[in-house]
Structure formats: structure tokens, C-alpha cells
N, C-alpha and C. Protein backbone atom coordinates (compact mmCIF):
# COMPACT_ATOMS: atom_id res chain seq x y z
N UNK A 1 4.75 -7.87 22.56
CA UNK A 1 3.49 -8.65 22.39
C UNK A 1 3.58 -9.53 21.23
N UNK A 2 3.25 -10.81 21.57
CA UNK A 2 3.20 -11.78 20.46
C UNK A 2 1.83 -11.94 19.99
N UNK A 3 1.64 -11.99 18.57
CA UNK A 3 0.41 -12.24 18.00
C UNK A 3 0.50 -13.55 17.22
N UNK A 4 -0.45 -14.45 17.41
CA UNK A 4 -0.35 -15.68 16.69
C UNK A 4 -0.81 -15.51 15.19
N UNK A 5 -0.31 -16.31 14.30
CA UNK A 5 -0.63 -16.33 12.97
C UNK A 5 -2.07 -16.33 12.73
N UNK A 6 -2.93 -17.08 13.53
CA UNK A 6 -4.33 -17.20 13.40
C UNK A 6 -5.05 -15.84 13.51
N UNK A 7 -4.53 -14.99 14.51
CA UNK A 7 -5.11 -13.72 14.69
C UNK A 7 -4.66 -12.76 13.62
N UNK A 8 -3.57 -12.87 12.96
CA UNK A 8 -3.11 -11.90 12.05
C UNK A 8 -3.57 -12.14 10.61
N UNK A 9 -4.20 -13.28 10.36
CA UNK A 9 -4.71 -13.59 8.99
C UNK A 9 -5.91 -12.61 8.62
N UNK A 10 -6.57 -12.14 9.63
CA UNK A 10 -7.56 -11.22 9.26
C UNK A 10 -7.24 -9.69 9.44
N UNK A 11 -5.90 -9.49 9.90
CA UNK A 11 -5.50 -8.16 10.18
C UNK A 11 -4.66 -7.63 8.89
N UNK A 12 -5.02 -6.42 8.42
CA UNK A 12 -4.16 -6.03 7.40
C UNK A 12 -3.16 -4.96 7.81
N UNK A 13 -2.10 -4.82 7.04
CA UNK A 13 -1.06 -3.89 7.43
C UNK A 13 -1.28 -2.50 6.70
N UNK A 14 -1.36 -1.53 7.44
CA UNK A 14 -1.59 -0.20 6.73
C UNK A 14 -0.69 0.02 5.58
N UNK A 15 -1.25 0.26 4.41
CA UNK A 15 -0.58 0.64 3.11
C UNK A 15 -0.17 -0.70 2.39
N UNK A 16 -0.49 -1.88 2.87
CA UNK A 16 -0.27 -3.08 1.93
C UNK A 16 -1.39 -3.16 0.94
N UNK A 17 -1.19 -4.18 -0.06
CA UNK A 17 -2.16 -4.12 -1.21
C UNK A 17 -3.59 -4.44 -0.61
N UNK A 18 -3.73 -5.34 0.34
CA UNK A 18 -5.06 -5.57 0.87
C UNK A 18 -5.73 -4.33 1.58
N UNK A 19 -4.97 -3.56 2.19
CA UNK A 19 -5.42 -2.34 2.90
C UNK A 19 -5.77 -1.40 1.68
N UNK A 20 -5.09 -1.16 0.77
CA UNK A 20 -5.32 -0.25 -0.34
C UNK A 20 -6.60 -0.70 -1.04
N UNK A 21 -6.68 -2.00 -1.33
CA UNK A 21 -7.94 -2.44 -2.03
C UNK A 21 -9.13 -2.22 -1.35
N UNK A 22 -9.12 -2.40 0.05
CA UNK A 22 -10.46 -2.17 0.82
C UNK A 22 -10.76 -0.61 0.85
N UNK A 23 -9.97 0.24 0.55
CA UNK A 23 -10.27 1.64 0.61
C UNK A 23 -10.34 2.32 -0.70
N UNK A 24 -10.04 1.59 -1.94
CA UNK A 24 -10.09 2.24 -3.26
C UNK A 24 -11.48 2.80 -3.47
N UNK A 25 -12.57 2.12 -3.35
CA UNK A 25 -13.91 2.53 -3.67
C UNK A 25 -14.31 3.88 -3.04
N UNK A 26 -13.82 4.13 -1.87
CA UNK A 26 -14.16 5.44 -1.19
C UNK A 26 -13.28 6.48 -1.65
N UNK A 27 -12.08 6.13 -2.07
CA UNK A 27 -11.02 7.16 -2.49
C UNK A 27 -11.31 7.68 -3.89
N UNK A 28 -11.52 6.70 -4.88
CA UNK A 28 -11.51 7.10 -6.26
C UNK A 28 -12.80 6.66 -6.91
N UNK A 29 -12.99 7.10 -8.22
CA UNK A 29 -14.18 6.57 -8.80
C UNK A 29 -14.06 5.08 -9.10
N UNK A 30 -15.21 4.46 -9.42
CA UNK A 30 -15.27 2.95 -9.68
C UNK A 30 -14.29 2.74 -10.87
N UNK A 31 -14.24 3.57 -11.90
CA UNK A 31 -13.37 3.27 -13.00
C UNK A 31 -11.90 3.23 -12.68
N UNK A 32 -11.56 4.26 -11.94
CA UNK A 32 -10.13 4.35 -11.49
C UNK A 32 -9.71 3.20 -10.63
N UNK A 33 -10.68 2.84 -9.61
CA UNK A 33 -10.49 1.76 -8.76
C UNK A 33 -10.24 0.45 -9.60
N UNK A 34 -10.97 0.22 -10.54
CA UNK A 34 -10.84 -1.00 -11.38
C UNK A 34 -9.40 -1.09 -12.08
N UNK A 35 -9.08 0.20 -12.55
CA UNK A 35 -7.67 0.21 -13.19
C UNK A 35 -6.59 -0.01 -12.23
N UNK A 36 -6.69 0.52 -11.17
CA UNK A 36 -5.64 0.47 -9.97
C UNK A 36 -5.53 -1.10 -9.66
N UNK A 37 -6.76 -1.71 -9.44
CA UNK A 37 -6.70 -3.13 -8.96
C UNK A 37 -6.11 -3.87 -10.11
N UNK A 38 -6.46 -3.59 -11.37
CA UNK A 38 -5.77 -4.43 -12.46
C UNK A 38 -4.29 -4.20 -12.38
N UNK A 39 -3.93 -2.93 -12.31
CA UNK A 39 -2.36 -2.84 -12.23
C UNK A 39 -1.67 -3.49 -11.01
N UNK A 40 -2.43 -3.50 -9.86
CA UNK A 40 -1.72 -4.15 -8.77
C UNK A 40 -1.80 -5.78 -9.04
N UNK A 41 -2.87 -6.25 -9.62
CA UNK A 41 -2.91 -7.70 -9.87
C UNK A 41 -1.89 -8.12 -10.82
N UNK A 42 -1.66 -7.50 -11.97
CA UNK A 42 -0.61 -7.97 -12.93
C UNK A 42 0.80 -7.36 -12.56
N UNK A 43 0.85 -6.55 -11.67
CA UNK A 43 2.20 -6.17 -11.18
C UNK A 43 3.01 -5.17 -12.19
N UNK A 44 2.20 -4.47 -12.94
CA UNK A 44 2.86 -3.50 -13.84
C UNK A 44 3.42 -2.26 -13.11
N UNK A 45 4.01 -1.37 -13.75
CA UNK A 45 4.64 -0.23 -13.13
C UNK A 45 3.76 1.00 -13.12
N UNK A 46 2.53 0.81 -13.43
CA UNK A 46 1.62 1.95 -13.47
C UNK A 46 1.20 2.51 -12.09
N UNK A 47 1.24 1.54 -11.15
CA UNK A 47 0.90 1.85 -9.86
C UNK A 47 1.86 1.56 -8.84
N UNK A 48 2.25 2.50 -8.01
CA UNK A 48 3.15 2.21 -6.82
C UNK A 48 2.63 2.77 -5.59
N UNK A 49 3.17 2.21 -4.41
CA UNK A 49 2.94 2.64 -3.17
C UNK A 49 4.09 3.38 -2.75
N UNK A 50 4.00 4.47 -2.20
CA UNK A 50 5.24 5.21 -1.74
C UNK A 50 4.96 5.83 -0.37
N UNK A 51 5.88 5.84 0.37
CA UNK A 51 5.80 6.44 1.77
C UNK A 51 6.74 7.68 1.73
N UNK A 52 5.95 8.93 2.22
CA UNK A 52 6.71 10.26 2.09
C UNK A 52 6.93 10.53 3.56
N UNK A 53 8.16 10.94 3.91
CA UNK A 53 8.55 11.38 5.23
C UNK A 53 9.31 12.70 5.01
N UNK A 54 9.23 13.60 6.05
CA UNK A 54 10.00 14.84 5.99
C UNK A 54 10.84 14.82 7.28
N UNK A 55 12.12 15.00 7.04
CA UNK A 55 13.12 14.95 8.21
C UNK A 55 13.32 16.33 8.93
N UNK A 56 13.91 16.38 9.94
CA UNK A 56 14.13 17.60 10.68
C UNK A 56 14.56 18.80 9.91
N UNK A 57 15.37 18.51 8.89
CA UNK A 57 15.89 19.56 7.87
C UNK A 57 14.94 20.04 6.92
N UNK A 58 13.72 19.32 6.86
CA UNK A 58 12.71 19.69 5.83
C UNK A 58 12.96 18.80 4.53
N UNK A 59 13.93 17.93 4.47
CA UNK A 59 14.05 17.10 3.23
C UNK A 59 13.08 16.09 3.19
N UNK A 60 12.39 15.86 1.96
CA UNK A 60 11.40 14.94 1.64
C UNK A 60 12.10 13.58 1.33
N UNK A 61 11.69 12.50 2.06
CA UNK A 61 12.29 11.20 1.90
C UNK A 61 11.25 10.35 1.31
N UNK A 62 11.39 9.72 0.14
CA UNK A 62 10.39 8.87 -0.50
C UNK A 62 10.87 7.63 -0.56
N UNK A 63 10.07 6.56 -0.11
CA UNK A 63 10.45 5.20 -0.09
C UNK A 63 9.36 4.54 -0.82
N UNK A 64 9.64 3.68 -1.73
CA UNK A 64 8.73 2.85 -2.53
C UNK A 64 8.48 1.55 -1.53
N UNK A 65 7.20 1.14 -1.62
CA UNK A 65 6.85 0.07 -0.77
C UNK A 65 6.44 -1.14 -1.63
N UNK A 66 6.73 -2.34 -1.13
CA UNK A 66 6.24 -3.53 -1.86
C UNK A 66 4.88 -3.91 -1.44
N UNK A 67 4.25 -5.00 -2.01
CA UNK A 67 2.83 -5.40 -1.84
C UNK A 67 2.53 -5.61 -0.45
N UNK A 68 3.57 -5.82 0.56
CA UNK A 68 3.39 -6.13 1.98
C UNK A 68 3.74 -4.76 2.81
N UNK A 69 3.85 -3.63 2.03
CA UNK A 69 4.05 -2.43 2.70
C UNK A 69 5.44 -2.32 3.35
N UNK A 70 6.43 -2.93 2.88
CA UNK A 70 7.73 -2.82 3.30
C UNK A 70 8.59 -2.14 2.41
N UNK A 71 9.46 -1.31 2.86
CA UNK A 71 10.29 -0.49 2.04
C UNK A 71 11.20 -1.23 1.19
N UNK A 72 11.31 -0.89 -0.18
CA UNK A 72 12.02 -1.60 -1.19
C UNK A 72 13.41 -1.05 -1.07
N UNK A 73 14.33 -1.70 -1.41
CA UNK A 73 15.71 -1.03 -1.43
C UNK A 73 16.23 -0.96 -2.79
């Protein structure tokens, strides 16, 4: 399925910085939300987005995500 750029401009990707920002106020206090937004804006290492998966053997796999919710290598 092809989606044009015009349609995707208003769509956020789950776990990208825009998606996180939209949900912060419901998830944490106003004070914590402000601190998280500041860290995301200045790009310090105080805040990270991580994806946790558990494989069939029960091993936990943790991948750090970038601001566009892509796995970092």
C-alpha cells in the first residue's frame, strides 16, 4: 500500500518523539513531562527510547530507538 507524503505528514509513528510527546502528559506528572521534553529537545543522554522483545528462548532483547523510532545500531 502506498501512502503519499501529504497523508503521512499528520501521521505519527508509534514510539517516535512526536508520538511520545503527545502521550507524556497522560503518562507522567507535568514536572516530569517538562524534564523529558527538555531532554528530548537538547538531545542529552538522560532520556532514551528502548524497544524490548523476548525471543522464543526467553532472552530479553533491548534495542535503543532514534527520534524516528528506528533501531540504532
